[in-house]
Each structure stands twice: as structure tokens, then as C-alpha cells.
mmCIF file of all heavy atoms, coordinates in Angstrom:
data_MODEL
# 
_entry.id   MODEL 
# 
loop_
_atom_site.group_PDB 
_atom_site.id 
_atom_site.type_symbol 
_atom_site.label_atom_id 
_atom_site.label_alt_id 
_atom_site.label_comp_id 
_atom_site.label_asym_id 
_atom_site.label_entity_id 
_atom_site.label_seq_id 
_atom_site.pdbx_PDB_ins_code 
_atom_site.Cartn_x 
_atom_site.Cartn_y 
_atom_site.Cartn_z 
_atom_site.occupancy 
_atom_site.B_iso_or_equiv 
_atom_site.pdbx_formal_charge 
_atom_site.auth_seq_id 
_atom_site.auth_comp_id 
_atom_site.auth_asym_id 
_atom_site.auth_atom_id 
_atom_site.pdbx_PDB_model_num 
ATOM 1   N N   . GLU A 1 1  ? -5.998 9.465   -1.738  1.00 0.00 ? 1  GLU A N   1 
ATOM 2   C CA  . GLU A 1 1  ? -5.235 8.519   -0.909  1.00 0.00 ? 1  GLU A CA  1 
ATOM 3   C C   . GLU A 1 1  ? -5.805 7.130   -1.103  1.00 0.00 ? 1  GLU A C   1 
ATOM 4   O O   . GLU A 1 1  ? -7.015 6.979   -1.166  1.00 0.00 ? 1  GLU A O   1 
ATOM 5   C CB  . GLU A 1 1  ? -5.348 8.933   0.513   1.00 0.00 ? 1  GLU A CB  1 
ATOM 6   C CG  . GLU A 1 1  ? -4.769 10.289  0.841   1.00 0.00 ? 1  GLU A CG  1 
ATOM 7   C CD  . GLU A 1 1  ? -5.068 10.741  2.299   1.00 0.00 ? 1  GLU A CD  1 
ATOM 8   O OE1 . GLU A 1 1  ? -5.476 9.880   3.140   1.00 0.00 ? 1  GLU A OE1 1 
ATOM 9   O OE2 . GLU A 1 1  ? -4.918 11.960  2.582   1.00 0.00 ? 1  GLU A OE2 1 
ATOM 10  N N   . VAL A 1 2  ? -4.925 6.135   -1.207  1.00 0.00 ? 2  VAL A N   1 
ATOM 11  C CA  . VAL A 1 2  ? -5.373 4.739   -1.404  1.00 0.00 ? 2  VAL A CA  1 
ATOM 12  C C   . VAL A 1 2  ? -4.402 3.807   -0.745  1.00 0.00 ? 2  VAL A C   1 
ATOM 13  O O   . VAL A 1 2  ? -3.175 4.062   -0.675  1.00 0.00 ? 2  VAL A O   1 
ATOM 14  C CB  . VAL A 1 2  ? -5.570 4.471   -2.892  1.00 0.00 ? 2  VAL A CB  1 
ATOM 15  C CG1 . VAL A 1 2  ? -4.258 4.642   -3.664  1.00 0.00 ? 2  VAL A CG1 1 
ATOM 16  C CG2 . VAL A 1 2  ? -6.160 3.105   -3.136  1.00 0.00 ? 2  VAL A CG2 1 
ATOM 17  N N   . MET A 1 3  ? -4.924 2.662   -0.313  1.00 0.00 ? 3  MET A N   1 
ATOM 18  C CA  . MET A 1 3  ? -4.129 1.585   0.223   1.00 0.00 ? 3  MET A CA  1 
ATOM 19  C C   . MET A 1 3  ? -4.391 0.352   -0.626  1.00 0.00 ? 3  MET A C   1 
ATOM 20  O O   . MET A 1 3  ? -5.504 0.060   -1.051  1.00 0.00 ? 3  MET A O   1 
ATOM 21  C CB  . MET A 1 3  ? -4.545 1.208   1.662   1.00 0.00 ? 3  MET A CB  1 
ATOM 22  C CG  . MET A 1 3  ? -4.347 2.316   2.679   1.00 0.00 ? 3  MET A CG  1 
ATOM 23  S SD  . MET A 1 3  ? -5.106 1.922   4.263   1.00 0.00 ? 3  MET A SD  1 
ATOM 24  C CE  . MET A 1 3  ? -4.196 0.501   4.816   1.00 0.00 ? 3  MET A CE  1 
ATOM 25  N N   . VAL A 1 4  ? -3.315 -0.408  -0.932  1.00 0.00 ? 4  VAL A N   1 
ATOM 26  C CA  . VAL A 1 4  ? -3.459 -1.618  -1.704  1.00 0.00 ? 4  VAL A CA  1 
ATOM 27  C C   . VAL A 1 4  ? -2.760 -2.772  -0.885  1.00 0.00 ? 4  VAL A C   1 
ATOM 28  O O   . VAL A 1 4  ? -1.597 -2.652  -0.483  1.00 0.00 ? 4  VAL A O   1 
ATOM 29  C CB  . VAL A 1 4  ? -2.759 -1.503  -3.107  1.00 0.00 ? 4  VAL A CB  1 
ATOM 30  C CG1 . VAL A 1 4  ? -2.844 -2.865  -3.846  1.00 0.00 ? 4  VAL A CG1 1 
ATOM 31  C CG2 . VAL A 1 4  ? -3.438 -0.427  -3.899  1.00 0.00 ? 4  VAL A CG2 1 
ATOM 32  N N   . LYS A 1 5  ? -3.430 -3.889  -0.780  1.00 0.00 ? 5  LYS A N   1 
ATOM 33  C CA  . LYS A 1 5  ? -2.869 -5.062  -0.098  1.00 0.00 ? 5  LYS A CA  1 
ATOM 34  C C   . LYS A 1 5  ? -1.977 -5.810  -1.090  1.00 0.00 ? 5  LYS A C   1 
ATOM 35  O O   . LYS A 1 5  ? -2.424 -6.292  -2.102  1.00 0.00 ? 5  LYS A O   1 
ATOM 36  C CB  . LYS A 1 5  ? -4.002 -5.987  0.389   1.00 0.00 ? 5  LYS A CB  1 
ATOM 37  C CG  . LYS A 1 5  ? -3.475 -7.122  1.262   1.00 0.00 ? 5  LYS A CG  1 
ATOM 38  C CD  . LYS A 1 5  ? -3.116 -6.589  2.665   1.00 0.00 ? 5  LYS A CD  1 
ATOM 39  C CE  . LYS A 1 5  ? -3.036 -7.765  3.661   1.00 0.00 ? 5  LYS A CE  1 
ATOM 40  N NZ  . LYS A 1 5  ? -2.772 -7.254  5.018   1.00 0.00 ? 5  LYS A NZ  1 
ATOM 41  N N   . ARG A 1 6  ? -0.654 -5.916  -0.737  1.00 0.00 ? 6  ARG A N   1 
ATOM 42  C CA  . ARG A 1 6  ? 0.294  -6.552  -1.592  1.00 0.00 ? 6  ARG A CA  1 
ATOM 43  C C   . ARG A 1 6  ? 0.504  -7.991  -1.170  1.00 0.00 ? 6  ARG A C   1 
ATOM 44  O O   . ARG A 1 6  ? -0.131 -8.500  -0.199  1.00 0.00 ? 6  ARG A O   1 
ATOM 45  C CB  . ARG A 1 6  ? 1.633  -5.818  -1.539  1.00 0.00 ? 6  ARG A CB  1 
ATOM 46  C CG  . ARG A 1 6  ? 1.516  -4.333  -1.962  1.00 0.00 ? 6  ARG A CG  1 
ATOM 47  C CD  . ARG A 1 6  ? 1.063  -4.163  -3.429  1.00 0.00 ? 6  ARG A CD  1 
ATOM 48  N NE  . ARG A 1 6  ? 1.943  -4.865  -4.344  1.00 0.00 ? 6  ARG A NE  1 
ATOM 49  C CZ  . ARG A 1 6  ? 3.074  -4.364  -4.845  1.00 0.00 ? 6  ARG A CZ  1 
ATOM 50  N NH1 . ARG A 1 6  ? 3.406  -3.122  -4.535  1.00 0.00 ? 6  ARG A NH1 1 
ATOM 51  N NH2 . ARG A 1 6  ? 3.839  -5.047  -5.597  1.00 0.00 ? 6  ARG A NH2 1 
ATOM 52  N N   . GLU A 1 7  ? 1.362  -8.708  -1.869  1.00 0.00 ? 7  GLU A N   1 
ATOM 53  C CA  . GLU A 1 7  ? 1.624  -10.113 -1.637  1.00 0.00 ? 7  GLU A CA  1 
ATOM 54  C C   . GLU A 1 7  ? 2.267  -10.342 -0.253  1.00 0.00 ? 7  GLU A C   1 
ATOM 55  O O   . GLU A 1 7  ? 2.910  -9.459  0.307   1.00 0.00 ? 7  GLU A O   1 
ATOM 56  C CB  . GLU A 1 7  ? 2.516  -10.688 -2.709  1.00 0.00 ? 7  GLU A CB  1 
ATOM 57  C CG  . GLU A 1 7  ? 3.857  -10.067 -2.804  1.00 0.00 ? 7  GLU A CG  1 
ATOM 58  C CD  . GLU A 1 7  ? 3.941  -8.796  -3.590  1.00 0.00 ? 7  GLU A CD  1 
ATOM 59  O OE1 . GLU A 1 7  ? 2.905  -8.297  -4.033  1.00 0.00 ? 7  GLU A OE1 1 
ATOM 60  O OE2 . GLU A 1 7  ? 5.075  -8.294  -3.782  1.00 0.00 ? 7  GLU A OE2 1 
ATOM 61  N N   . ALA A 1 8  ? 2.067  -11.526 0.279   1.00 0.00 ? 8  ALA A N   1 
ATOM 62  C CA  . ALA A 1 8  ? 2.586  -11.847 1.610   1.00 0.00 ? 8  ALA A CA  1 
ATOM 63  C C   . ALA A 1 8  ? 4.101  -11.649 1.626   1.00 0.00 ? 8  ALA A C   1 
ATOM 64  O O   . ALA A 1 8  ? 4.850  -12.067 0.706   1.00 0.00 ? 8  ALA A O   1 
ATOM 65  C CB  . ALA A 1 8  ? 2.265  -13.326 1.943   1.00 0.00 ? 8  ALA A CB  1 
ATOM 66  N N   . GLY A 1 9  ? 4.612  -10.952 2.664   1.00 0.00 ? 9  GLY A N   1 
ATOM 67  C CA  . GLY A 1 9  ? 6.030  -10.711 2.814   1.00 0.00 ? 9  GLY A CA  1 
ATOM 68  C C   . GLY A 1 9  ? 6.445  -9.388  2.172   1.00 0.00 ? 9  GLY A C   1 
ATOM 69  O O   . GLY A 1 9  ? 7.657  -9.013  2.243   1.00 0.00 ? 9  GLY A O   1 
ATOM 70  N N   . PHE A 1 10 ? 5.536  -8.681  1.540   1.00 0.00 ? 10 PHE A N   1 
ATOM 71  C CA  . PHE A 1 10 ? 5.884  -7.388  0.881   1.00 0.00 ? 10 PHE A CA  1 
ATOM 72  C C   . PHE A 1 10 ? 6.467  -6.410  1.913   1.00 0.00 ? 10 PHE A C   1 
ATOM 73  O O   . PHE A 1 10 ? 7.481  -5.736  1.624   1.00 0.00 ? 10 PHE A O   1 
ATOM 74  C CB  . PHE A 1 10 ? 4.649  -6.826  0.192   1.00 0.00 ? 10 PHE A CB  1 
ATOM 75  C CG  . PHE A 1 10 ? 4.859  -5.424  -0.360  1.00 0.00 ? 10 PHE A CG  1 
ATOM 76  C CD1 . PHE A 1 10 ? 5.535  -5.237  -1.548  1.00 0.00 ? 10 PHE A CD1 1 
ATOM 77  C CD2 . PHE A 1 10 ? 4.348  -4.293  0.307   1.00 0.00 ? 10 PHE A CD2 1 
ATOM 78  C CE1 . PHE A 1 10 ? 5.723  -3.950  -2.037  1.00 0.00 ? 10 PHE A CE1 1 
ATOM 79  C CE2 . PHE A 1 10 ? 4.525  -3.061  -0.167  1.00 0.00 ? 10 PHE A CE2 1 
ATOM 80  C CZ  . PHE A 1 10 ? 5.211  -2.861  -1.379  1.00 0.00 ? 10 PHE A CZ  1 
ATOM 81  N N   . ASN A 1 11 ? 5.756  -6.255  3.006   1.00 0.00 ? 11 ASN A N   1 
ATOM 82  C CA  . ASN A 1 11 ? 6.240  -5.384  4.105   1.00 0.00 ? 11 ASN A CA  1 
ATOM 83  C C   . ASN A 1 11 ? 5.558  -5.772  5.401   1.00 0.00 ? 11 ASN A C   1 
ATOM 84  O O   . ASN A 1 11 ? 4.455  -5.366  5.656   1.00 0.00 ? 11 ASN A O   1 
ATOM 85  C CB  . ASN A 1 11 ? 5.968  -3.895  3.752   1.00 0.00 ? 11 ASN A CB  1 
ATOM 86  C CG  . ASN A 1 11 ? 6.578  -2.960  4.753   1.00 0.00 ? 11 ASN A CG  1 
ATOM 87  O OD1 . ASN A 1 11 ? 6.905  -3.311  5.887   1.00 0.00 ? 11 ASN A OD1 1 
ATOM 88  N ND2 . ASN A 1 11 ? 6.831  -1.714  4.330   1.00 0.00 ? 11 ASN A ND2 1 
ATOM 89  N N   . PRO A 1 12 ? 6.247  -6.545  6.216   1.00 0.00 ? 12 PRO A N   1 
ATOM 90  C CA  . PRO A 1 12 ? 5.619  -7.002  7.489   1.00 0.00 ? 12 PRO A CA  1 
ATOM 91  C C   . PRO A 1 12 ? 5.197  -5.874  8.407   1.00 0.00 ? 12 PRO A C   1 
ATOM 92  O O   . PRO A 1 12 ? 4.233  -6.017  9.136   1.00 0.00 ? 12 PRO A O   1 
ATOM 93  C CB  . PRO A 1 12 ? 6.715  -7.838  8.141   1.00 0.00 ? 12 PRO A CB  1 
ATOM 94  C CG  . PRO A 1 12 ? 7.612  -8.281  7.008   1.00 0.00 ? 12 PRO A CG  1 
ATOM 95  C CD  . PRO A 1 12 ? 7.586  -7.135  6.021   1.00 0.00 ? 12 PRO A CD  1 
ATOM 96  N N   . VAL A 1 13 ? 5.919  -4.752  8.379   1.00 0.00 ? 13 VAL A N   1 
ATOM 97  C CA  . VAL A 1 13 ? 5.591  -3.618  9.225   1.00 0.00 ? 13 VAL A CA  1 
ATOM 98  C C   . VAL A 1 13 ? 4.210  -3.067  8.921   1.00 0.00 ? 13 VAL A C   1 
ATOM 99  O O   . VAL A 1 13 ? 3.477  -2.626  9.793   1.00 0.00 ? 13 VAL A O   1 
ATOM 100 C CB  . VAL A 1 13 ? 6.640  -2.504  9.093   1.00 0.00 ? 13 VAL A CB  1 
ATOM 101 C CG1 . VAL A 1 13 ? 6.229  -1.263  9.900   1.00 0.00 ? 13 VAL A CG1 1 
ATOM 102 C CG2 . VAL A 1 13 ? 8.010  -3.019  9.589   1.00 0.00 ? 13 VAL A CG2 1 
ATOM 103 N N   . THR A 1 14 ? 3.855  -3.009  7.595   1.00 0.00 ? 14 THR A N   1 
ATOM 104 C CA  . THR A 1 14 ? 2.547  -2.510  7.210   1.00 0.00 ? 14 THR A CA  1 
ATOM 105 C C   . THR A 1 14 ? 1.485  -3.609  6.967   1.00 0.00 ? 14 THR A C   1 
ATOM 106 O O   . THR A 1 14 ? 0.453  -3.313  6.440   1.00 0.00 ? 14 THR A O   1 
ATOM 107 C CB  . THR A 1 14 ? 2.677  -1.686  5.887   1.00 0.00 ? 14 THR A CB  1 
ATOM 108 O OG1 . THR A 1 14 ? 3.050  -2.590  4.816   1.00 0.00 ? 14 THR A OG1 1 
ATOM 109 C CG2 . THR A 1 14 ? 3.691  -0.568  6.020   1.00 0.00 ? 14 THR A CG2 1 
ATOM 110 N N   . LYS A 1 15 ? 1.828  -4.789  7.398   1.00 0.00 ? 15 LYS A N   1 
ATOM 111 C CA  . LYS A 1 15 ? 0.964  -5.933  7.189   1.00 0.00 ? 15 LYS A CA  1 
ATOM 112 C C   . LYS A 1 15 ? 0.705  -6.111  5.684   1.00 0.00 ? 15 LYS A C   1 
ATOM 113 O O   . LYS A 1 15 ? -0.368 -6.514  5.280   1.00 0.00 ? 15 LYS A O   1 
ATOM 114 C CB  . LYS A 1 15 ? -0.339 -5.828  7.994   1.00 0.00 ? 15 LYS A CB  1 
ATOM 115 C CG  . LYS A 1 15 ? -0.112 -5.915  9.471   1.00 0.00 ? 15 LYS A CG  1 
ATOM 116 C CD  . LYS A 1 15 ? -1.426 -6.007  10.257  1.00 0.00 ? 15 LYS A CD  1 
ATOM 117 C CE  . LYS A 1 15 ? -1.187 -6.182  11.762  1.00 0.00 ? 15 LYS A CE  1 
ATOM 118 N NZ  . LYS A 1 15 ? -2.463 -6.299  12.481  1.00 0.00 ? 15 LYS A NZ  1 
ATOM 119 N N   . ASP A 1 16 ? 1.716  -5.815  4.905   1.00 0.00 ? 16 ASP A N   1 
ATOM 120 C CA  . ASP A 1 16 ? 1.702  -5.979  3.446   1.00 0.00 ? 16 ASP A CA  1 
ATOM 121 C C   . ASP A 1 16 ? 0.764  -4.974  2.706   1.00 0.00 ? 16 ASP A C   1 
ATOM 122 O O   . ASP A 1 16 ? 0.562  -5.105  1.537   1.00 0.00 ? 16 ASP A O   1 
ATOM 123 C CB  . ASP A 1 16 ? 1.359  -7.398  3.008   1.00 0.00 ? 16 ASP A CB  1 
ATOM 124 C CG  . ASP A 1 16 ? 2.333  -8.427  3.566   1.00 0.00 ? 16 ASP A CG  1 
ATOM 125 O OD1 . ASP A 1 16 ? 3.524  -8.087  3.651   1.00 0.00 ? 16 ASP A OD1 1 
ATOM 126 O OD2 . ASP A 1 16 ? 1.871  -9.511  3.956   1.00 0.00 ? 16 ASP A OD2 1 
ATOM 127 N N   . TRP A 1 17 ? 0.430  -3.897  3.407   1.00 0.00 ? 17 TRP A N   1 
ATOM 128 C CA  . TRP A 1 17 ? -0.269 -2.781  2.701   1.00 0.00 ? 17 TRP A CA  1 
ATOM 129 C C   . TRP A 1 17 ? 0.798  -1.867  2.061   1.00 0.00 ? 17 TRP A C   1 
ATOM 130 O O   . TRP A 1 17 ? 1.849  -1.634  2.618   1.00 0.00 ? 17 TRP A O   1 
ATOM 131 C CB  . TRP A 1 17 ? -1.116 -2.031  3.679   1.00 0.00 ? 17 TRP A CB  1 
ATOM 132 C CG  . TRP A 1 17 ? -2.347 -2.684  4.139   1.00 0.00 ? 17 TRP A CG  1 
ATOM 133 C CD1 . TRP A 1 17 ? -2.569 -3.317  5.336   1.00 0.00 ? 17 TRP A CD1 1 
ATOM 134 C CD2 . TRP A 1 17 ? -3.607 -2.876  3.423   1.00 0.00 ? 17 TRP A CD2 1 
ATOM 135 N NE1 . TRP A 1 17 ? -3.799 -3.865  5.431   1.00 0.00 ? 17 TRP A NE1 1 
ATOM 136 C CE2 . TRP A 1 17 ? -4.506 -3.558  4.244   1.00 0.00 ? 17 TRP A CE2 1 
ATOM 137 C CE3 . TRP A 1 17 ? -4.044 -2.442  2.151   1.00 0.00 ? 17 TRP A CE3 1 
ATOM 138 C CZ2 . TRP A 1 17 ? -5.807 -3.916  3.898   1.00 0.00 ? 17 TRP A CZ2 1 
ATOM 139 C CZ3 . TRP A 1 17 ? -5.320 -2.747  1.774   1.00 0.00 ? 17 TRP A CZ3 1 
ATOM 140 C CH2 . TRP A 1 17 ? -6.204 -3.465  2.621   1.00 0.00 ? 17 TRP A CH2 1 
ATOM 141 N N   . GLU A 1 18 ? 0.405  -1.298  0.898   1.00 0.00 ? 18 GLU A N   1 
ATOM 142 C CA  . GLU A 1 18 ? 1.230  -0.232  0.367   1.00 0.00 ? 18 GLU A CA  1 
ATOM 143 C C   . GLU A 1 18 ? 0.296  1.030   0.264   1.00 0.00 ? 18 GLU A C   1 
ATOM 144 O O   . GLU A 1 18 ? -0.831 0.913   -0.164  1.00 0.00 ? 18 GLU A O   1 
ATOM 145 C CB  . GLU A 1 18 ? 1.782  -0.584  -1.007  1.00 0.00 ? 18 GLU A CB  1 
ATOM 146 C CG  . GLU A 1 18 ? 2.673  0.508   -1.592  1.00 0.00 ? 18 GLU A CG  1 
ATOM 147 C CD  . GLU A 1 18 ? 3.327  0.120   -2.940  1.00 0.00 ? 18 GLU A CD  1 
ATOM 148 O OE1 . GLU A 1 18 ? 2.891  -0.918  -3.539  1.00 0.00 ? 18 GLU A OE1 1 
ATOM 149 O OE2 . GLU A 1 18 ? 4.273  0.810   -3.320  1.00 0.00 ? 18 GLU A OE2 1 
ATOM 150 N N   . TYR A 1 19 ? 0.872  2.166   0.722   1.00 0.00 ? 19 TYR A N   1 
ATOM 151 C CA  . TYR A 1 19 ? 0.121  3.384   0.688   1.00 0.00 ? 19 TYR A CA  1 
ATOM 152 C C   . TYR A 1 19 ? 0.485  4.203   -0.576  1.00 0.00 ? 19 TYR A C   1 
ATOM 153 O O   . TYR A 1 19 ? 1.623  4.226   -1.050  1.00 0.00 ? 19 TYR A O   1 
ATOM 154 C CB  . TYR A 1 19 ? 0.424  4.224   1.899   1.00 0.00 ? 19 TYR A CB  1 
ATOM 155 C CG  . TYR A 1 19 ? 0.194  3.573   3.228   1.00 0.00 ? 19 TYR A CG  1 
ATOM 156 C CD1 . TYR A 1 19 ? 1.221  3.012   3.995   1.00 0.00 ? 19 TYR A CD1 1 
ATOM 157 C CD2 . TYR A 1 19 ? -1.108 3.513   3.748   1.00 0.00 ? 19 TYR A CD2 1 
ATOM 158 C CE1 . TYR A 1 19 ? 0.973  2.366   5.214   1.00 0.00 ? 19 TYR A CE1 1 
ATOM 159 C CE2 . TYR A 1 19 ? -1.361 2.859   4.970   1.00 0.00 ? 19 TYR A CE2 1 
ATOM 160 C CZ  . TYR A 1 19 ? -0.317 2.313   5.707   1.00 0.00 ? 19 TYR A CZ  1 
ATOM 161 O OH  . TYR A 1 19 ? -0.529 1.694   6.916   1.00 0.00 ? 19 TYR A OH  1 
ATOM 162 N N   . PHE A 1 20 ? -0.525 4.938   -1.096  1.00 0.00 ? 20 PHE A N   1 
ATOM 163 C CA  . PHE A 1 20 ? -0.311 5.763   -2.301  1.00 0.00 ? 20 PHE A CA  1 
ATOM 164 C C   . PHE A 1 20 ? -0.926 7.114   -2.072  1.00 0.00 ? 20 PHE A C   1 
ATOM 165 O O   . PHE A 1 20 ? -2.039 7.289   -1.556  1.00 0.00 ? 20 PHE A O   1 
ATOM 166 C CB  . PHE A 1 20 ? -0.989 5.102   -3.482  1.00 0.00 ? 20 PHE A CB  1 
ATOM 167 C CG  . PHE A 1 20 ? -0.419 3.806   -3.976  1.00 0.00 ? 20 PHE A CG  1 
ATOM 168 C CD1 . PHE A 1 20 ? -0.757 2.642   -3.329  1.00 0.00 ? 20 PHE A CD1 1 
ATOM 169 C CD2 . PHE A 1 20 ? 0.432  3.769   -5.024  1.00 0.00 ? 20 PHE A CD2 1 
ATOM 170 C CE1 . PHE A 1 20 ? -0.230 1.409   -3.727  1.00 0.00 ? 20 PHE A CE1 1 
ATOM 171 C CE2 . PHE A 1 20 ? 1.016  2.560   -5.472  1.00 0.00 ? 20 PHE A CE2 1 
ATOM 172 C CZ  . PHE A 1 20 ? 0.642  1.351   -4.803  1.00 0.00 ? 20 PHE A CZ  1 
ATOM 173 N N   . ASP A 1 21 ? -0.145 8.172   -2.445  1.00 0.00 ? 21 ASP A N   1 
ATOM 174 C CA  . ASP A 1 21 ? -0.623 9.547   -2.442  1.00 0.00 ? 21 ASP A CA  1 
ATOM 175 C C   . ASP A 1 21 ? -0.745 9.901   -3.915  1.00 0.00 ? 21 ASP A C   1 
ATOM 176 O O   . ASP A 1 21 ? 0.241  9.770   -4.686  1.00 0.00 ? 21 ASP A O   1 
ATOM 177 C CB  . ASP A 1 21 ? 0.374  10.452  -1.731  1.00 0.00 ? 21 ASP A CB  1 
ATOM 178 C CG  . ASP A 1 21 ? -0.065 11.865  -1.687  1.00 0.00 ? 21 ASP A CG  1 
ATOM 179 O OD1 . ASP A 1 21 ? -1.274 12.160  -1.788  1.00 0.00 ? 21 ASP A OD1 1 
ATOM 180 O OD2 . ASP A 1 21 ? 0.812  12.774  -1.525  1.00 0.00 ? 21 ASP A OD2 1 
ATOM 181 N N   . LEU A 1 22 ? -1.936 10.377  -4.305  1.00 0.00 ? 22 LEU A N   1 
ATOM 182 C CA  . LEU A 1 22 ? -2.199 10.569  -5.753  1.00 0.00 ? 22 LEU A CA  1 
ATOM 183 C C   . LEU A 1 22 ? -2.433 12.063  -6.091  1.00 0.00 ? 22 LEU A C   1 
ATOM 184 O O   . LEU A 1 22 ? -3.004 12.764  -5.281  1.00 0.00 ? 22 LEU A O   1 
ATOM 185 C CB  . LEU A 1 22 ? -3.455 9.794   -6.141  1.00 0.00 ? 22 LEU A CB  1 
ATOM 186 C CG  . LEU A 1 22 ? -3.514 8.281   -5.750  1.00 0.00 ? 22 LEU A CG  1 
ATOM 187 C CD1 . LEU A 1 22 ? -4.869 7.709   -6.142  1.00 0.00 ? 22 LEU A CD1 1 
ATOM 188 C CD2 . LEU A 1 22 ? -2.382 7.513   -6.428  1.00 0.00 ? 22 LEU A CD2 1 
ATOM 189 N N   . ASP A 1 23 ? -2.068 12.413  -7.297  1.00 0.00 ? 23 ASP A N   1 
ATOM 190 C CA  . ASP A 1 23 ? -2.542 13.626  -7.929  1.00 0.00 ? 23 ASP A CA  1 
ATOM 191 C C   . ASP A 1 23 ? -3.646 13.237  -8.918  1.00 0.00 ? 23 ASP A C   1 
ATOM 192 O O   . ASP A 1 23 ? -3.469 12.310  -9.666  1.00 0.00 ? 23 ASP A O   1 
ATOM 193 C CB  . ASP A 1 23 ? -1.407 14.307  -8.693  1.00 0.00 ? 23 ASP A CB  1 
ATOM 194 C CG  . ASP A 1 23 ? -0.593 15.283  -7.843  1.00 0.00 ? 23 ASP A CG  1 
ATOM 195 O OD1 . ASP A 1 23 ? -1.120 15.772  -6.837  1.00 0.00 ? 23 ASP A OD1 1 
ATOM 196 O OD2 . ASP A 1 23 ? 0.573  15.498  -8.161  1.00 0.00 ? 23 ASP A OD2 1 
ATOM 197 N N   . ILE A 1 24 ? -4.793 13.898  -8.844  1.00 0.00 ? 24 ILE A N   1 
ATOM 198 C CA  . ILE A 1 24 ? -5.911 13.511  -9.693  1.00 0.00 ? 24 ILE A CA  1 
ATOM 199 C C   . ILE A 1 24 ? -6.421 14.737  -10.447 1.00 0.00 ? 24 ILE A C   1 
ATOM 200 O O   . ILE A 1 24 ? -6.319 15.832  -9.984  1.00 0.00 ? 24 ILE A O   1 
ATOM 201 C CB  . ILE A 1 24 ? -7.036 12.866  -8.879  1.00 0.00 ? 24 ILE A CB  1 
ATOM 202 C CG1 . ILE A 1 24 ? -7.608 13.871  -7.837  1.00 0.00 ? 24 ILE A CG1 1 
ATOM 203 C CG2 . ILE A 1 24 ? -6.560 11.599  -8.228  1.00 0.00 ? 24 ILE A CG2 1 
ATOM 204 C CD1 . ILE A 1 24 ? -8.802 13.354  -7.085  1.00 0.00 ? 24 ILE A CD1 1 
ATOM 205 N N   . SER A 1 25 ? -6.951 14.444  -11.658 1.00 0.00 ? 25 SER A N   1 
ATOM 206 C CA  . SER A 1 25 ? -7.514 15.488  -12.485 1.00 0.00 ? 25 SER A CA  1 
ATOM 207 C C   . SER A 1 25 ? -8.518 14.836  -13.440 1.00 0.00 ? 25 SER A C   1 
ATOM 208 O O   . SER A 1 25 ? -8.662 13.564  -13.453 1.00 0.00 ? 25 SER A O   1 
ATOM 209 C CB  . SER A 1 25 ? -6.429 16.244  -13.296 1.00 0.00 ? 25 SER A CB  1 
ATOM 210 O OG  . SER A 1 25 ? -5.887 15.370  -14.264 1.00 0.00 ? 25 SER A OG  1 
# 
């Protein structure tokens, strides 16, 4: 699981964070 801060205005609801669910190997 990871969060990345995106550019201003990307998503006001998430305060511009984007969430990622990953498969890893």
C-alpha cells in the first residue's frame, strides 16, 4: 500500500493524495 501526493487540485477530497494498492514479487 502506498500514498503519493499529487499536484494541487488533483483531488480536493483526498487533499491531493492518490492511493495505490500494489501486487509485489
